[in-house]
Amino acid sequence: MVGNAAGAIMAIYLLIIGLRKRDLVGTAAIFFLIVNLIKVPFYVHLEIINFETFKFNLMTFPAIFVGAMTGIIILERIPTKLFGILIIVFASFGAICLLLV
């Protein structure tokens, strides 16, 4: 259930191997989609996902869609160098938070 904690490491790795911004974000999104889909049966079994939580998640879909579209627009406008710096800063912040919790 802590599979998404590797997001920072993966982002830095994808940055180091030289993926372009769109490729980096797309690769990470597909990878974590697969990771999270694998977790669904376990969440259902543990009753973390049930009809009520599923219904709530469906209600949030419009906000998720708007956020995704906004992210696409912002990604195109961020300079590549700044994008790399932000990846490192946010990954470092995430690592520090994981160590402190």
PDB file of N, CA and C in Angstrom:
ATOM      1  N   MET A   1       0.801  -1.199   0.000  1.00  0.00           N
ATOM      2  CA  MET A   1       0.000   0.000   0.000  1.00  0.00           C
ATOM      3  C   MET A   1       0.843   1.262   0.000  1.00  0.00           C
ATOM      4  N   VAL A   2       2.143   1.112   0.097  1.00  0.00           N
ATOM      5  CA  VAL A   2       3.016   2.278   0.072  1.00  0.00           C
ATOM      6  C   VAL A   2       3.708   2.416  -1.285  1.00  0.00           C
ATOM      7  N   GLY A   3       3.159   1.751  -2.293  1.00  0.00           N
ATOM      8  CA  GLY A   3       3.780   1.756  -3.618  1.00  0.00           C
ATOM      9  C   GLY A   3       3.960   3.137  -4.207  1.00  0.00           C
ATOM     10  N   ASN A   4       3.045   4.057  -3.899  1.00  0.00           N
ATOM     11  CA  ASN A   4       3.155   5.399  -4.460  1.00  0.00           C
ATOM     12  C   ASN A   4       4.268   6.211  -3.813  1.00  0.00           C
ATOM     13  N   ALA A   5       4.811   5.729  -2.698  1.00  0.00           N
ATOM     14  CA  ALA A   5       5.926   6.432  -2.054  1.00  0.00           C
ATOM     15  C   ALA A   5       7.149   6.450  -2.957  1.00  0.00           C
ATOM     16  N   ALA A   6       7.204   5.559  -3.920  1.00  0.00           N
ATOM     17  CA  ALA A   6       8.335   5.512  -4.847  1.00  0.00           C
ATOM     18  C   ALA A   6       8.215   6.546  -5.966  1.00  0.00           C
ATOM     19  N   GLY A   7       7.167   7.332  -5.951  1.00  0.00           N
ATOM     20  CA  GLY A   7       6.959   8.315  -7.010  1.00  0.00           C
ATOM     21  C   GLY A   7       8.106   9.297  -7.157  1.00  0.00           C
ATOM     22  N   ALA A   8       8.633   9.749  -6.053  1.00  0.00           N
ATOM     23  CA  ALA A   8       9.744  10.711  -6.097  1.00  0.00           C
ATOM     24  C   ALA A   8      10.986  10.077  -6.709  1.00  0.00           C
ATOM     25  N   ILE A   9      11.289   8.857  -6.298  1.00  0.00           N
ATOM     26  CA  ILE A   9      12.458   8.157  -6.831  1.00  0.00           C
ATOM     27  C   ILE A   9      12.287   7.919  -8.325  1.00  0.00           C
ATOM     28  N   MET A  10      11.083   7.504  -8.703  1.00  0.00           N
ATOM     29  CA  MET A  10      10.836   7.243 -10.118  1.00  0.00           C
ATOM     30  C   MET A  10      10.953   8.528 -10.941  1.00  0.00           C
ATOM     31  N   ALA A  11      10.416   9.619 -10.425  1.00  0.00           N
ATOM     32  CA  ALA A  11      10.488  10.899 -11.145  1.00  0.00           C
ATOM     33  C   ALA A  11      11.930  11.325 -11.353  1.00  0.00           C
ATOM     34  N   ILE A  12      12.749  11.188 -10.318  1.00  0.00           N
ATOM     35  CA  ILE A  12      14.163  11.557 -10.448  1.00  0.00           C
ATOM     36  C   ILE A  12      14.851  10.638 -11.454  1.00  0.00           C
ATOM     37  N   TYR A  13      14.570   9.343 -11.396  1.00  0.00           N
ATOM     38  CA  TYR A  13      15.163   8.405 -12.351  1.00  0.00           C
ATOM     39  C   TYR A  13      14.782   8.772 -13.786  1.00  0.00           C
ATOM     40  N   LEU A  14      13.502   9.032 -14.025  1.00  0.00           N
ATOM     41  CA  LEU A  14      13.049   9.383 -15.375  1.00  0.00           C
ATOM     42  C   LEU A  14      13.672  10.693 -15.840  1.00  0.00           C
ATOM     43  N   LEU A  15      13.898  11.603 -14.898  1.00  0.00           N
ATOM     44  CA  LEU A  15      14.558  12.871 -15.220  1.00  0.00           C
ATOM     45  C   LEU A  15      16.012  12.617 -15.606  1.00  0.00           C
ATOM     46  N   ILE A  16      16.697  11.764 -14.847  1.00  0.00           N
ATOM     47  CA  ILE A  16      18.114  11.479 -15.097  1.00  0.00           C
ATOM     48  C   ILE A  16      18.327  10.805 -16.447  1.00  0.00           C
ATOM     49  N   ILE A  17      17.398   9.907 -16.832  1.00  0.00           N
ATOM     50  CA  ILE A  17      17.596   9.220 -18.112  1.00  0.00           C
ATOM     51  C   ILE A  17      17.228  10.096 -19.303  1.00  0.00           C
ATOM     52  N   GLY A  18      16.764  11.305 -19.017  1.00  0.00           N
ATOM     53  CA  GLY A  18      16.582  12.281 -20.077  1.00  0.00           C
ATOM     54  C   GLY A  18      15.231  12.301 -20.773  1.00  0.00           C
ATOM     55  N   LEU A  19      14.187  11.776 -20.116  1.00  0.00           N
ATOM     56  CA  LEU A  19      12.868  11.836 -20.746  1.00  0.00           C
ATOM     57  C   LEU A  19      12.382  13.283 -20.833  1.00  0.00           C
ATOM     58  N   ARG A  20      11.690  13.577 -21.905  1.00  0.00           N
ATOM     59  CA  ARG A  20      11.077  14.900 -22.033  1.00  0.00           C
ATOM     60  C   ARG A  20       9.951  15.030 -21.012  1.00  0.00           C
ATOM     61  N   LYS A  21       9.508  16.261 -20.762  1.00  0.00           N
ATOM     62  CA  LYS A  21       8.489  16.518 -19.747  1.00  0.00           C
ATOM     63  C   LYS A  21       7.250  15.649 -19.942  1.00  0.00           C
ATOM     64  N   ARG A  22       6.689  15.696 -21.137  1.00  0.00           N
ATOM     65  CA  ARG A  22       5.456  14.939 -21.405  1.00  0.00           C
ATOM     66  C   ARG A  22       5.674  13.447 -21.253  1.00  0.00           C
ATOM     67  N   ASP A  23       6.820  12.959 -21.722  1.00  0.00           N
ATOM     68  CA  ASP A  23       7.112  11.529 -21.608  1.00  0.00           C
ATOM     69  C   ASP A  23       7.288  11.122 -20.149  1.00  0.00           C
ATOM     70  N   LEU A  24       7.947  11.964 -19.378  1.00  0.00           N
ATOM     71  CA  LEU A  24       8.153  11.675 -17.962  1.00  0.00           C
ATOM     72  C   LEU A  24       6.817  11.596 -17.235  1.00  0.00           C
ATOM     73  N   VAL A  25       5.976  12.585 -17.420  1.00  0.00           N
ATOM     74  CA  VAL A  25       4.683  12.612 -16.737  1.00  0.00           C
ATOM     75  C   VAL A  25       3.808  11.450 -17.217  1.00  0.00           C
ATOM     76  N   GLY A  26       3.803  11.194 -18.506  1.00  0.00           N
ATOM     77  CA  GLY A  26       2.999  10.099 -19.044  1.00  0.00           C
ATOM     78  C   GLY A  26       3.455   8.741 -18.555  1.00  0.00           C
ATOM     79  N   THR A  27       4.768   8.522 -18.526  1.00  0.00           N
ATOM     80  CA  THR A  27       5.311   7.252 -18.045  1.00  0.00           C
ATOM     81  C   THR A  27       4.962   7.036 -16.581  1.00  0.00           C
ATOM     82  N   ALA A  28       5.148   8.065 -15.782  1.00  0.00           N
ATOM     83  CA  ALA A  28       4.822   7.955 -14.358  1.00  0.00           C
ATOM     84  C   ALA A  28       3.324   7.710 -14.164  1.00  0.00           C
ATOM     85  N   ALA A  29       2.491   8.398 -14.928  1.00  0.00           N
ATOM     86  CA  ALA A  29       1.040   8.231 -14.787  1.00  0.00           C
ATOM     87  C   ALA A  29       0.611   6.809 -15.129  1.00  0.00           C
ATOM     88  N   ILE A  30       1.124   6.267 -16.218  1.00  0.00           N
ATOM     89  CA  ILE A  30       0.754   4.898 -16.608  1.00  0.00           C
ATOM     90  C   ILE A  30       1.274   3.887 -15.588  1.00  0.00           C
ATOM     91  N   PHE A  31       2.513   4.069 -15.135  1.00  0.00           N
ATOM     92  CA  PHE A  31       3.081   3.152 -14.152  1.00  0.00           C
ATOM     93  C   PHE A  31       2.235   3.121 -12.883  1.00  0.00           C
ATOM     94  N   PHE A  32       1.889   4.295 -12.351  1.00  0.00           N
ATOM     95  CA  PHE A  32       1.135   4.323 -11.102  1.00  0.00           C
ATOM     96  C   PHE A  32      -0.332   3.953 -11.307  1.00  0.00           C
ATOM     97  N   LEU A  33      -0.865   4.123 -12.505  1.00  0.00           N
ATOM     98  CA  LEU A  33      -2.199   3.593 -12.804  1.00  0.00           C
ATOM     99  C   LEU A  33      -2.185   2.077 -12.633  1.00  0.00           C
ATOM    100  N   ILE A  34      -1.171   1.432 -13.198  1.00  0.00           N
ATOM    101  CA  ILE A  34      -1.057  -0.022 -13.086  1.00  0.00           C
ATOM    102  C   ILE A  34      -0.858  -0.437 -11.627  1.00  0.00           C
ATOM    103  N   VAL A  35       0.035   0.238 -10.915  1.00  0.00           N
ATOM    104  CA  VAL A  35       0.277  -0.074  -9.499  1.00  0.00           C
ATOM    105  C   VAL A  35      -1.024   0.043  -8.708  1.00  0.00           C
ATOM    106  N   ASN A  36      -1.770   1.110  -8.924  1.00  0.00           N
ATOM    107  CA  ASN A  36      -2.998   1.317  -8.164  1.00  0.00           C
ATOM    108  C   ASN A  36      -4.105   0.359  -8.574  1.00  0.00           C
ATOM    109  N   LEU A  37      -4.166  -0.025  -9.832  1.00  0.00           N
ATOM    110  CA  LEU A  37      -5.156  -1.016 -10.248  1.00  0.00           C
ATOM    111  C   LEU A  37      -4.887  -2.374  -9.603  1.00  0.00           C
ATOM    112  N   ILE A  38      -3.619  -2.707  -9.428  1.00  0.00           N
ATOM    113  CA  ILE A  38      -3.269  -3.961  -8.758  1.00  0.00           C
ATOM    114  C   ILE A  38      -3.766  -3.952  -7.312  1.00  0.00           C
ATOM    115  N   LYS A  39      -3.803  -2.779  -6.685  1.00  0.00           N
ATOM    116  CA  LYS A  39      -4.223  -2.680  -5.289  1.00  0.00           C
ATOM    117  C   LYS A  39      -5.737  -2.774  -5.099  1.00  0.00           C
ATOM    118  N   VAL A  40      -6.512  -2.540  -6.144  1.00  0.00           N
ATOM    119  CA  VAL A  40      -7.969  -2.473  -6.004  1.00  0.00           C
ATOM    120  C   VAL A  40      -8.569  -3.719  -5.354  1.00  0.00           C
ATOM    121  N   PRO A  41      -8.244  -4.936  -5.807  1.00  0.00           N
ATOM    122  CA  PRO A  41      -8.864  -6.107  -5.151  1.00  0.00           C
ATOM    123  C   PRO A  41      -8.571  -6.187  -3.646  1.00  0.00           C
ATOM    124  N   PHE A  42      -7.376  -5.792  -3.253  1.00  0.00           N
ATOM    125  CA  PHE A  42      -7.026  -5.814  -1.836  1.00  0.00           C
ATOM    126  C   PHE A  42      -7.827  -4.771  -1.061  1.00  0.00           C
ATOM    127  N   TYR A  43      -7.996  -3.584  -1.642  1.00  0.00           N
ATOM    128  CA  TYR A  43      -8.789  -2.544  -1.000  1.00  0.00           C
ATOM    129  C   TYR A  43     -10.249  -2.967  -0.874  1.00  0.00           C
ATOM    130  N   VAL A  44     -10.769  -3.627  -1.897  1.00  0.00           N
ATOM    131  CA  VAL A  44     -12.154  -4.110  -1.833  1.00  0.00           C
ATOM    132  C   VAL A  44     -12.272  -5.163  -0.735  1.00  0.00           C
ATOM    133  N   HIS A  45     -11.331  -6.090  -0.691  1.00  0.00           N
ATOM    134  CA  HIS A  45     -11.350  -7.140   0.328  1.00  0.00           C
ATOM    135  C   HIS A  45     -11.279  -6.557   1.743  1.00  0.00           C
ATOM    136  N   LEU A  46     -10.473  -5.532   1.924  1.00  0.00           N
ATOM    137  CA  LEU A  46     -10.346  -4.877   3.235  1.00  0.00           C
ATOM    138  C   LEU A  46     -11.466  -3.877   3.501  1.00  0.00           C
ATOM    139  N   GLU A  47     -12.382  -3.737   2.554  1.00  0.00           N
ATOM    140  CA  GLU A  47     -13.524  -2.829   2.618  1.00  0.00           C
ATOM    141  C   GLU A  47     -13.109  -1.360   2.708  1.00  0.00           C
ATOM    142  N   ILE A  48     -11.922  -1.066   2.175  1.00  0.00           N
ATOM    143  CA  ILE A  48     -11.500   0.326   2.047  1.00  0.00           C
ATOM    144  C   ILE A  48     -12.236   0.947   0.863  1.00  0.00           C
ATOM    145  N   ILE A  49     -12.452   0.147  -0.162  1.00  0.00           N
ATOM    146  CA  ILE A  49     -13.300   0.553  -1.289  1.00  0.00           C
ATOM    147  C   ILE A  49     -14.620  -0.190  -1.126  1.00  0.00           C
ATOM    148  N   ASN A  50     -15.686   0.585  -1.038  1.00  0.00           N
ATOM    149  CA  ASN A  50     -17.037   0.014  -0.981  1.00  0.00           C
ATOM    150  C   ASN A  50     -17.960   0.892  -1.815  1.00  0.00           C
ATOM    151  N   PHE A  51     -19.242   0.614  -1.772  1.00  0.00           N
ATOM    152  CA  PHE A  51     -20.167   1.378  -2.608  1.00  0.00           C
ATOM    153  C   PHE A  51     -20.141   2.863  -2.269  1.00  0.00           C
ATOM    154  N   GLU A  52     -20.082   3.187  -0.989  1.00  0.00           N
ATOM    155  CA  GLU A  52     -20.082   4.601  -0.572  1.00  0.00           C
ATOM    156  C   GLU A  52     -18.831   5.331  -1.043  1.00  0.00           C
ATOM    157  N   THR A  53     -17.675   4.725  -0.877  1.00  0.00           N
ATOM    158  CA  THR A  53     -16.446   5.389  -1.308  1.00  0.00           C
ATOM    159  C   THR A  53     -16.384   5.483  -2.825  1.00  0.00           C
ATOM    160  N   PHE A  54     -16.901   4.447  -3.504  1.00  0.00           N
ATOM    161  CA  PHE A  54     -16.933   4.473  -4.964  1.00  0.00           C
ATOM    162  C   PHE A  54     -17.842   5.596  -5.451  1.00  0.00           C
ATOM    163  N   LYS A  55     -18.990   5.746  -4.814  1.00  0.00           N
ATOM    164  CA  LYS A  55     -19.927   6.812  -5.182  1.00  0.00           C
ATOM    165  C   LYS A  55     -19.289   8.190  -4.956  1.00  0.00           C
ATOM    166  N   PHE A  56     -18.586   8.352  -3.841  1.00  0.00           N
ATOM    167  CA  PHE A  56     -17.907   9.619  -3.574  1.00  0.00           C
ATOM    168  C   PHE A  56     -16.844   9.895  -4.641  1.00  0.00           C
ATOM    169  N   ASN A  57     -16.076   8.876  -5.003  1.00  0.00           N
ATOM    170  CA  ASN A  57     -15.047   9.045  -6.033  1.00  0.00           C
ATOM    171  C   ASN A  57     -15.652   9.441  -7.369  1.00  0.00           C
ATOM    172  N   LEU A  58     -16.791   8.892  -7.711  1.00  0.00           N
ATOM    173  CA  LEU A  58     -17.455   9.294  -8.958  1.00  0.00           C
ATOM    174  C   LEU A  58     -17.860  10.762  -8.910  1.00  0.00           C
ATOM    175  N   MET A  59     -18.267  11.230  -7.737  1.00  0.00           N
ATOM    176  CA  MET A  59     -18.663  12.637  -7.612  1.00  0.00           C
ATOM    177  C   MET A  59     -17.475  13.576  -7.780  1.00  0.00           C
ATOM    178  N   THR A  60     -16.275  13.115  -7.488  1.00  0.00           N
ATOM    179  CA  THR A  60     -15.096  13.966  -7.616  1.00  0.00           C
ATOM    180  C   THR A  60     -14.519  13.959  -9.035  1.00  0.00           C
ATOM    181  N   PHE A  61     -15.070  13.137  -9.916  1.00  0.00           N
ATOM    182  CA  PHE A  61     -14.528  13.026 -11.266  1.00  0.00           C
ATOM    183  C   PHE A  61     -14.432  14.366 -11.989  1.00  0.00           C
ATOM    184  N   PRO A  62     -15.444  15.247 -11.933  1.00  0.00           N
ATOM    185  CA  PRO A  62     -15.291  16.545 -12.621  1.00  0.00           C
ATOM    186  C   PRO A  62     -14.075  17.341 -12.143  1.00  0.00           C
ATOM    187  N   ALA A  63     -13.819  17.341 -10.839  1.00  0.00           N
ATOM    188  CA  ALA A  63     -12.658  18.071 -10.315  1.00  0.00           C
ATOM    189  C   ALA A  63     -11.364  17.415 -10.781  1.00  0.00           C
ATOM    190  N   ILE A  64     -11.336  16.092 -10.827  1.00  0.00           N
ATOM    191  CA  ILE A  64     -10.146  15.381 -11.302  1.00  0.00           C
ATOM    192  C   ILE A  64      -9.890  15.715 -12.767  1.00  0.00           C
ATOM    193  N   PHE A  65     -10.942  15.747 -13.560  1.00  0.00           N
ATOM    194  CA  PHE A  65     -10.814  16.064 -14.989  1.00  0.00           C
ATOM    195  C   PHE A  65     -10.272  17.483 -15.181  1.00  0.00           C
ATOM    196  N   VAL A  66     -10.826  18.443 -14.434  1.00  0.00           N
ATOM    197  CA  VAL A  66     -10.360  19.834 -14.533  1.00  0.00           C
ATOM    198  C   VAL A  66      -8.890  19.918 -14.102  1.00  0.00           C
ATOM    199  N   GLY A  67      -8.530  19.209 -13.043  1.00  0.00           N
ATOM    200  CA  GLY A  67      -7.142  19.200 -12.586  1.00  0.00           C
ATOM    201  C   GLY A  67      -6.199  18.614 -13.622  1.00  0.00           C
ATOM    202  N   ALA A  68      -6.626  17.544 -14.276  1.00  0.00           N
ATOM    203  CA  ALA A  68      -5.786  16.924 -15.309  1.00  0.00           C
ATOM    204  C   ALA A  68      -5.590  17.876 -16.492  1.00  0.00           C
ATOM    205  N   MET A  69      -6.653  18.516 -16.928  1.00  0.00           N
ATOM    206  CA  MET A  69      -6.546  19.449 -18.049  1.00  0.00           C
ATOM    207  C   MET A  69      -5.675  20.653 -17.679  1.00  0.00           C
ATOM    208  N   THR A  70      -5.829  21.142 -16.463  1.00  0.00           N
ATOM    209  CA  THR A  70      -4.995  22.244 -15.986  1.00  0.00           C
ATOM    210  C   THR A  70      -3.534  21.827 -15.950  1.00  0.00           C
ATOM    211  N   GLY A  71      -3.269  20.610 -15.497  1.00  0.00           N
ATOM    212  CA  GLY A  71      -1.908  20.094 -15.459  1.00  0.00           C
ATOM    213  C   GLY A  71      -1.274  20.033 -16.835  1.00  0.00           C
ATOM    214  N   ILE A  72      -2.050  19.620 -17.828  1.00  0.00           N
ATOM    215  CA  ILE A  72      -1.535  19.554 -19.202  1.00  0.00           C
ATOM    216  C   ILE A  72      -1.151  20.943 -19.687  1.00  0.00           C
ATOM    217  N   ILE A  73      -1.993  21.922 -19.415  1.00  0.00           N
ATOM    218  CA  ILE A  73      -1.727  23.298 -19.841  1.00  0.00           C
ATOM    219  C   ILE A  73      -0.483  23.846 -19.135  1.00  0.00           C
ATOM    220  N   ILE A  74      -0.409  23.623 -17.821  1.00  0.00           N
ATOM    221  CA  ILE A  74       0.730  24.132 -17.051  1.00  0.00           C
ATOM    222  C   ILE A  74       2.024  23.455 -17.494  1.00  0.00           C
ATOM    223  N   LEU A  75       1.970  22.150 -17.737  1.00  0.00           N
ATOM    224  CA  LEU A  75       3.169  21.411 -18.148  1.00  0.00           C
ATOM    225  C   LEU A  75       3.773  22.006 -19.417  1.00  0.00           C
ATOM    226  N   GLU A  76       2.942  22.386 -20.351  1.00  0.00           N
ATOM    227  CA  GLU A  76       3.432  22.962 -21.608  1.00  0.00           C
ATOM    228  C   GLU A  76       4.099  24.320 -21.398  1.00  0.00           C
ATOM    229  N   ARG A  77       3.694  25.018 -20.345  1.00  0.00           N
ATOM    230  CA  ARG A  77       4.202  26.373 -20.127  1.00  0.00           C
ATOM    231  C   ARG A  77       5.426  26.430 -19.222  1.00  0.00           C
ATOM    232  N   ILE A  78       5.711  25.362 -18.503  1.00  0.00           N
ATOM    233  CA  ILE A  78       6.872  25.356 -17.606  1.00  0.00           C
ATOM    234  C   ILE A  78       8.125  25.080 -18.418  1.00  0.00           C
ATOM    235  N   PRO A  79       9.133  25.924 -18.292  1.00  0.00           N
ATOM    236  CA  PRO A  79      10.398  25.647 -18.982  1.00  0.00           C
ATOM    237  C   PRO A  79      11.010  24.332 -18.485  1.00  0.00           C
ATOM    238  N   THR A  80      11.692  23.636 -19.374  1.00  0.00           N
ATOM    239  CA  THR A  80      12.255  22.323 -19.053  1.00  0.00           C
ATOM    240  C   THR A  80      13.185  22.377 -17.854  1.00  0.00           C
ATOM    241  N   LYS A  81      14.036  23.384 -17.785  1.00  0.00           N
ATOM    242  CA  LYS A  81      14.981  23.488 -16.664  1.00  0.00           C
ATOM    243  C   LYS A  81      14.234  23.659 -15.344  1.00  0.00           C
ATOM    244  N   LEU A  82      13.224  24.517 -15.326  1.00  0.00           N
ATOM    245  CA  LEU A  82      12.427  24.727 -14.119  1.00  0.00           C
ATOM    246  C   LEU A  82      11.692  23.438 -13.742  1.00  0.00           C
ATOM    247  N   PHE A  83      11.209  22.714 -14.729  1.00  0.00           N
ATOM    248  CA  PHE A  83      10.528  21.436 -14.482  1.00  0.00           C
ATOM    249  C   PHE A  83      11.459  20.480 -13.739  1.00  0.00           C
ATOM    250  N   GLY A  84      12.698  20.371 -14.198  1.00  0.00           N
ATOM    251  CA  GLY A  84      13.672  19.502 -13.541  1.00  0.00           C
ATOM    252  C   GLY A  84      13.958  19.928 -12.112  1.00  0.00           C
ATOM    253  N   ILE A  85      14.080  21.232 -11.910  1.00  0.00           N
ATOM    254  CA  ILE A  85      14.324  21.756 -10.557  1.00  0.00           C
ATOM    255  C   ILE A  85      13.137  21.441  -9.652  1.00  0.00           C
ATOM    256  N   LEU A  86      11.922  21.632 -10.162  1.00  0.00           N
ATOM    257  CA  LEU A  86      10.729  21.353  -9.359  1.00  0.00           C
ATOM    258  C   LEU A  86      10.634  19.878  -8.985  1.00  0.00           C
ATOM    259  N   ILE A  87      10.997  18.989  -9.916  1.00  0.00           N
ATOM    260  CA  ILE A  87      10.987  17.554  -9.620  1.00  0.00           C
ATOM    261  C   ILE A  87      11.919  17.274  -8.435  1.00  0.00           C
ATOM    262  N   ILE A  88      13.113  17.819  -8.474  1.00  0.00           N
ATOM    263  CA  ILE A  88      14.089  17.573  -7.410  1.00  0.00           C
ATOM    264  C   ILE A  88      13.622  18.186  -6.087  1.00  0.00           C
ATOM    265  N   VAL A  89      13.090  19.402  -6.129  1.00  0.00           N
ATOM    266  CA  VAL A  89      12.625  20.063  -4.900  1.00  0.00           C
ATOM    267  C   VAL A  89      11.464  19.279  -4.280  1.00  0.00           C
ATOM    268  N   PHE A  90      10.455  18.921  -5.090  1.00  0.00           N
ATOM    269  CA  PHE A  90       9.302  18.204  -4.546  1.00  0.00           C
ATOM    270  C   PHE A  90       9.671  16.793  -4.092  1.00  0.00           C
ATOM    271  N   ALA A  91      10.560  16.137  -4.808  1.00  0.00           N
ATOM    272  CA  ALA A  91      11.018  14.803  -4.397  1.00  0.00           C
ATOM    273  C   ALA A  91      11.759  14.891  -3.065  1.00  0.00           C
ATOM    274  N   SER A  92      12.582  15.908  -2.906  1.00  0.00           N
ATOM    275  CA  SER A  92      13.306  16.093  -1.650  1.00  0.00           C
ATOM    276  C   SER A  92      12.349  16.376  -0.500  1.00  0.00           C
ATOM    277  N   PHE A  93      11.378  17.223  -0.754  1.00  0.00           N
ATOM    278  CA  PHE A  93      10.372  17.533   0.267  1.00  0.00           C
ATOM    279  C   PHE A  93       9.608  16.267   0.654  1.00  0.00           C
ATOM    280  N   GLY A  94       9.208  15.477  -0.332  1.00  0.00           N
ATOM    281  CA  GLY A  94       8.499  14.228  -0.062  1.00  0.00           C
ATOM    282  C   GLY A  94       9.342  13.252   0.736  1.00  0.00           C
ATOM    283  N   ALA A  95      10.624  13.163   0.396  1.00  0.00           N
ATOM    284  CA  ALA A  95      11.525  12.259   1.121  1.00  0.00           C
ATOM    285  C   ALA A  95      11.653  12.690   2.571  1.00  0.00           C
ATOM    286  N   ILE A  96      11.779  13.976   2.804  1.00  0.00           N
ATOM    287  CA  ILE A  96      11.891  14.481   4.178  1.00  0.00           C
ATOM    288  C   ILE A  96      10.614  14.183   4.956  1.00  0.00           C
ATOM    289  N   CYS A  97       9.467  14.388   4.314  1.00  0.00           N
ATOM    290  CA  CYS A  97       8.191  14.096   4.991  1.00  0.00           C
ATOM    291  C   CYS A  97       8.075  12.612   5.331  1.00  0.00           C
ATOM    292  N   LEU A  98       8.489  11.744   4.418  1.00  0.00           N
ATOM    293  CA  LEU A  98       8.448  10.301   4.692  1.00  0.00           C
ATOM    294  C   LEU A  98       9.367   9.918   5.841  1.00  0.00           C
ATOM    295  N   LEU A  99      10.505  10.567   5.934  1.00  0.00           N
ATOM    296  CA  LEU A  99      11.433  10.273   7.029  1.00  0.00           C
ATOM    297  C   LEU A  99      10.881  10.745   8.380  1.00  0.00           C
ATOM    298  N   LEU A 100      10.148  11.832   8.377  1.00  0.00           N
ATOM    299  CA  LEU A 100       9.645  12.394   9.620  1.00  0.00           C
ATOM    300  C   LEU A 100       8.372  11.729  10.111  1.00  0.00           C
ATOM    301  N   VAL A 101       7.678  11.049   9.260  1.00  0.00           N
ATOM    302  CA  VAL A 101       6.387  10.454   9.669  1.00  0.00           C
ATOM    303  C   VAL A 101       6.559   9.053  10.151  1.00  0.00           C
TER     304      VAL A 101
END
